[in-house]
């Protein structure tokens, strides 16, 4: 079987009703592309596992299913999927269907245009230009983005967007820790990787409610922010090494 060019990574916790239409959209968006889909069932207690297994049994050959016996969080789910992935590029999507898979081909076109160059892209980060979340969640996100941008100087307007395209090798070089997915742009930049922001669509949820928190994660996010600030200041990998001579 042909190795995939891109692996679609989806962390999902209690997303029954959202997964089938999302995976069908991915299939339509990536016609002609070599891809795989890895869904990490992060300790779901609804019908998510049965829904995924039904899709697999129905012949959804591109689908791979990983499962945590209990919820370990979005970052761990993404990291586990990245370790299992076979694609050169990783496209991360939230399992709630709010990210639009139709944006992925445009992001792939950007990285294909830069491959083989010394300054090639390592990350294309989605920017939700028209948020479809509740007002409180948008305010919390704006505050978090402003604070993060001031402290880390990562140049990202919307690091909370779940839709990102990341070179797998570059991602696996990053330090793993809980909530790391919110700091991928800052960590990629500190390791010398070039990034580009790409406007993407954002949609209302089809079913269910957010499982990975909102205002309840603010204090943890602030602690993580200063931890990443400390980590970046201790990193000395932003300048590549050069071998001299034959």
Protein backbone atom coordinates (compact mmCIF):
# COMPACT_ATOMS: atom_id res chain seq x y z
CA UNK A 1 0.00 0.00 0.00
CA UNK A 2 1.29 3.45 -0.93
CA UNK A 3 2.67 5.45 1.99
CA UNK A 4 0.45 8.47 2.68
CA UNK A 5 1.74 11.94 1.98
CA UNK A 6 -0.37 13.39 4.79
CA UNK A 7 -1.77 11.88 7.97
CA UNK A 8 -4.95 13.46 9.32
CA UNK A 9 -4.85 13.39 13.13
CA UNK A 10 -8.12 13.78 15.04
CA UNK A 11 -8.34 13.74 18.85
CA UNK A 12 -11.91 12.88 19.83
CA UNK A 13 -13.60 12.63 23.19
CA UNK A 14 -17.34 11.97 23.23
CA UNK A 15 -17.90 13.14 19.66
CA UNK A 16 -20.57 10.64 18.56
CA UNK A 17 -22.60 12.17 15.74
CA UNK A 18 -19.75 14.42 14.65
CA UNK A 19 -17.23 11.84 13.48
CA UNK A 20 -19.03 10.21 10.55
CA UNK A 21 -19.85 13.45 8.69
CA UNK A 22 -16.36 14.81 9.44
CA UNK A 23 -14.61 11.74 8.04
CA UNK A 24 -16.83 11.74 4.96
CA UNK A 25 -15.91 15.40 4.39
CA UNK A 26 -12.22 14.54 4.65
CA UNK A 27 -12.67 11.77 2.08
CA UNK A 28 -14.34 14.19 -0.35
CA UNK A 29 -11.77 16.95 0.24
CA UNK A 30 -8.75 14.67 -0.36
CA UNK A 31 -9.82 12.87 -3.52
CA UNK A 32 -6.64 11.98 -5.45
CA UNK A 33 -4.42 12.52 -2.38
CA UNK A 34 -2.40 9.80 -0.62
CA UNK A 35 -3.61 10.07 2.97
CA UNK A 36 -4.59 8.25 6.13
CA UNK A 37 -6.87 9.29 8.99
CA UNK A 38 -5.91 8.50 12.58
CA UNK A 39 -8.65 9.12 15.12
CA UNK A 40 -7.66 8.88 18.78
CA UNK A 41 -10.68 8.00 20.89
CA UNK A 42 -9.58 9.80 24.05
CA UNK A 43 -11.50 7.81 26.64
CA UNK A 44 -14.95 8.46 25.16
CA UNK A 45 -17.97 7.26 27.13
CA UNK A 46 -20.60 7.81 24.46
CA UNK A 47 -20.99 6.01 21.13
CA UNK A 48 -17.79 7.37 19.54
CA UNK A 49 -15.95 4.04 19.63
CA UNK A 50 -18.86 2.12 18.10
CA UNK A 51 -19.28 4.81 15.41
CA UNK A 52 -15.63 4.57 14.43
CA UNK A 53 -15.64 0.78 14.37
CA UNK A 54 -18.76 0.81 12.20
CA UNK A 55 -17.00 3.06 9.70
CA UNK A 56 -13.98 0.75 9.66
CA UNK A 57 -16.19 -2.32 9.19
CA UNK A 58 -18.00 -0.58 6.33
CA UNK A 59 -14.75 -0.38 4.36
CA UNK A 60 -13.29 3.01 5.33
CA UNK A 61 -9.78 1.80 4.46
CA UNK A 62 -8.01 5.10 5.21
CA UNK A 63 -9.21 5.08 8.84
CA UNK A 64 -7.01 3.96 11.72
CA UNK A 65 -8.37 3.98 15.29
CA UNK A 66 -6.37 4.45 18.47
CA UNK A 67 -7.98 4.45 21.90
CA UNK A 68 -7.11 5.66 25.39
CA UNK A 69 -8.87 3.79 28.20
CA UNK A 70 -9.32 7.16 29.93
CA UNK A 71 -9.02 10.71 28.74
CA UNK A 72 -5.40 11.92 28.62
CA UNK A 73 -6.08 15.23 26.87
CA UNK A 74 -5.77 16.69 23.41
CA UNK A 75 -2.00 17.08 23.34
CA UNK A 76 -1.36 13.47 24.33
CA UNK A 77 -3.88 12.25 21.77
CA UNK A 78 -2.20 14.26 19.00
CA UNK A 79 1.27 13.15 20.08
CA UNK A 80 0.28 9.47 20.13
CA UNK A 81 -1.26 9.83 16.67
CA UNK A 82 1.88 11.54 15.35
CA UNK A 83 4.05 8.67 16.60
CA UNK A 84 1.81 6.19 14.78
CA UNK A 85 1.49 8.27 11.60
CA UNK A 86 3.13 7.25 8.31
CA UNK A 87 2.67 10.53 6.46
CA UNK A 88 5.38 13.10 5.80
CA UNK A 89 2.93 15.82 6.89
CA UNK A 90 0.49 15.88 9.80
CA UNK A 91 -2.82 17.71 9.51
CA UNK A 92 -4.53 18.15 12.88
CA UNK A 93 -8.31 18.59 13.10
CA UNK A 94 -10.66 18.89 16.06
CA UNK A 95 -13.16 16.05 16.33
CA UNK A 96 -16.16 18.36 16.74
CA UNK A 97 -16.45 19.20 13.03
CA UNK A 98 -15.85 22.93 13.51
CA UNK A 99 -12.72 22.79 11.32
CA UNK A 100 -13.45 22.49 7.60
CA UNK A 101 -11.51 19.70 5.80
CA UNK A 102 -11.95 21.64 2.56
CA UNK A 103 -9.16 23.95 3.80
CA UNK A 104 -6.58 21.14 3.85
CA UNK A 105 -5.80 21.03 0.08
CA UNK A 106 -4.89 24.72 0.08
CA UNK A 107 -2.54 24.19 3.00
CA UNK A 108 -0.95 21.21 1.26
CA UNK A 109 -0.39 23.34 -1.83
CA UNK A 110 1.59 25.83 0.29
CA UNK A 111 3.97 23.22 1.69
CA UNK A 112 4.41 21.49 -1.67
CA UNK A 113 5.52 24.80 -3.12
CA UNK A 114 8.27 25.13 -0.52
CA UNK A 115 9.59 21.57 -0.27
CA UNK A 116 13.23 21.01 -1.09
CA UNK A 117 14.19 24.59 -0.19
CA UNK A 118 16.44 25.49 2.70
CA UNK A 119 13.75 27.86 3.97
CA UNK A 120 10.88 25.43 3.36
CA UNK A 121 7.76 25.60 5.52
CA UNK A 122 7.53 23.44 8.62
CA UNK A 123 4.10 24.63 9.75
CA UNK A 124 0.97 26.11 8.21
CA UNK A 125 -1.25 27.37 11.02
CA UNK A 126 -4.96 27.91 10.51
CA UNK A 127 -6.49 31.26 11.46
CA UNK A 128 -10.25 31.23 12.13
CA UNK A 129 -11.27 34.54 10.57
CA UNK A 130 -14.98 34.22 11.46
CA UNK A 131 -15.34 32.39 14.78
CA UNK A 132 -18.58 30.50 15.35
CA UNK A 133 -18.17 30.01 19.11
CA UNK A 134 -20.10 31.58 21.97
CA UNK A 135 -19.10 35.12 22.93
CA UNK A 136 -17.52 34.03 26.23
CA UNK A 137 -15.31 31.52 24.46
CA UNK A 138 -14.24 34.12 21.87
CA UNK A 139 -13.33 36.58 24.61
CA UNK A 140 -11.34 33.95 26.50
CA UNK A 141 -9.53 32.98 23.30
CA UNK A 142 -8.74 36.60 22.45
CA UNK A 143 -7.31 37.22 25.92
CA UNK A 144 -5.21 34.03 25.74
CA UNK A 145 -3.92 34.85 22.25
CA UNK A 146 -2.97 38.40 23.24
CA UNK A 147 -1.16 37.27 26.38
CA UNK A 148 0.66 34.45 24.59
CA UNK A 149 1.70 36.70 21.71
CA UNK A 150 3.11 39.34 24.06
CA UNK A 151 5.16 36.86 26.06
CA UNK A 152 6.30 34.40 23.39
CA UNK A 153 6.44 36.74 20.37
CA UNK A 154 5.35 33.88 18.12
CA UNK A 155 3.53 36.04 15.55
CA UNK A 156 0.46 33.79 15.57
CA UNK A 157 -3.00 35.41 15.66
CA UNK A 158 -4.89 32.21 16.54
CA UNK A 159 -2.82 29.44 18.10
CA UNK A 160 -5.98 27.80 19.43
CA UNK A 161 -7.16 26.81 15.96
CA UNK A 162 -7.19 23.02 15.75
CA UNK A 163 -6.41 22.99 12.02
CA UNK A 164 -2.65 22.92 11.46
CA UNK A 165 -0.34 21.29 8.93
CA UNK A 166 3.01 20.29 10.42
CA UNK A 167 5.99 18.41 9.08
CA UNK A 168 6.04 15.16 11.07
CA UNK A 169 9.81 15.17 11.60
CA UNK A 170 9.70 18.74 12.91
CA UNK A 171 6.78 17.94 15.22
CA UNK A 172 8.49 14.92 16.76
CA UNK A 173 11.56 17.03 17.57
CA UNK A 174 9.44 19.24 19.84
CA UNK A 175 9.32 18.57 23.59
CA UNK A 176 6.17 16.72 24.62
CA UNK A 177 4.11 17.95 27.58
CA UNK A 178 0.42 18.26 28.38
CA UNK A 179 -1.21 21.20 26.54
CA UNK A 180 1.76 21.46 24.14
CA UNK A 181 -0.62 21.73 21.16
CA UNK A 182 -1.32 25.36 22.11
CA UNK A 183 2.35 26.28 21.75
CA UNK A 184 3.34 24.45 18.57
CA UNK A 185 3.96 27.68 16.56
CA UNK A 186 6.25 29.14 19.25
CA UNK A 187 8.18 25.88 19.57
CA UNK A 188 8.53 25.43 15.82
CA UNK A 189 9.80 29.00 15.47
CA UNK A 190 12.33 28.54 18.26
CA UNK A 191 13.71 25.47 16.48
CA UNK A 192 14.30 27.55 13.36
CA UNK A 193 11.25 26.38 11.41
CA UNK A 194 9.47 28.70 8.98
CA UNK A 195 5.72 29.11 9.40
CA UNK A 196 2.82 30.61 7.52
CA UNK A 197 -0.65 31.61 8.69
CA UNK A 198 -3.53 30.47 6.48
CA UNK A 199 -7.14 31.77 6.83
CA UNK A 200 -9.57 28.89 7.38
CA UNK A 201 -13.29 28.41 7.82
CA UNK A 202 -14.87 27.84 11.21
CA UNK A 203 -18.27 26.26 11.74
CA UNK A 204 -20.78 25.71 14.54
CA UNK A 205 -20.77 22.35 16.28
CA UNK A 206 -23.10 19.74 14.82
CA UNK A 207 -23.64 17.90 18.11
CA UNK A 208 -22.46 17.76 21.72
CA UNK A 209 -20.44 20.26 23.73
CA UNK A 210 -16.74 21.10 24.07
CA UNK A 211 -14.87 18.47 26.11
CA UNK A 212 -11.43 20.06 26.36
CA UNK A 213 -12.46 23.09 28.39
CA UNK A 214 -12.78 26.86 28.02
CA UNK A 215 -12.44 29.29 30.90
CA UNK A 216 -11.73 26.36 33.25
CA UNK A 217 -8.31 25.88 31.60
CA UNK A 218 -7.18 29.49 32.03
CA UNK A 219 -5.00 28.97 35.11
CA UNK A 220 -3.37 25.86 33.64
CA UNK A 221 -2.79 27.79 30.41
CA UNK A 222 -1.00 30.61 32.20
CA UNK A 223 1.28 28.16 34.01
CA UNK A 224 2.04 26.44 30.70
CA UNK A 225 2.71 29.80 29.06
CA UNK A 226 5.46 30.72 31.49
CA UNK A 227 6.83 27.18 31.34
CA UNK A 228 7.14 27.45 27.55
CA UNK A 229 8.68 30.93 27.89
CA UNK A 230 11.34 29.41 30.19
CA UNK A 231 11.88 26.47 27.86
CA UNK A 232 12.32 28.67 24.79
CA UNK A 233 14.85 30.86 26.57
CA UNK A 234 16.89 27.72 27.33
CA UNK A 235 16.79 26.41 23.74
CA UNK A 236 19.86 26.78 21.52
CA UNK A 237 18.68 24.91 18.43
CA UNK A 238 17.43 27.86 16.38
CA UNK A 239 20.64 28.04 14.27
CA UNK A 240 21.38 24.98 12.09
CA UNK A 241 24.77 23.24 12.31
CA UNK A 242 26.91 23.08 9.16
CA UNK A 243 29.46 20.42 8.34
CA UNK A 244 32.70 21.84 6.90
CA UNK A 245 34.66 19.93 4.31
CA UNK A 246 33.93 16.83 2.21
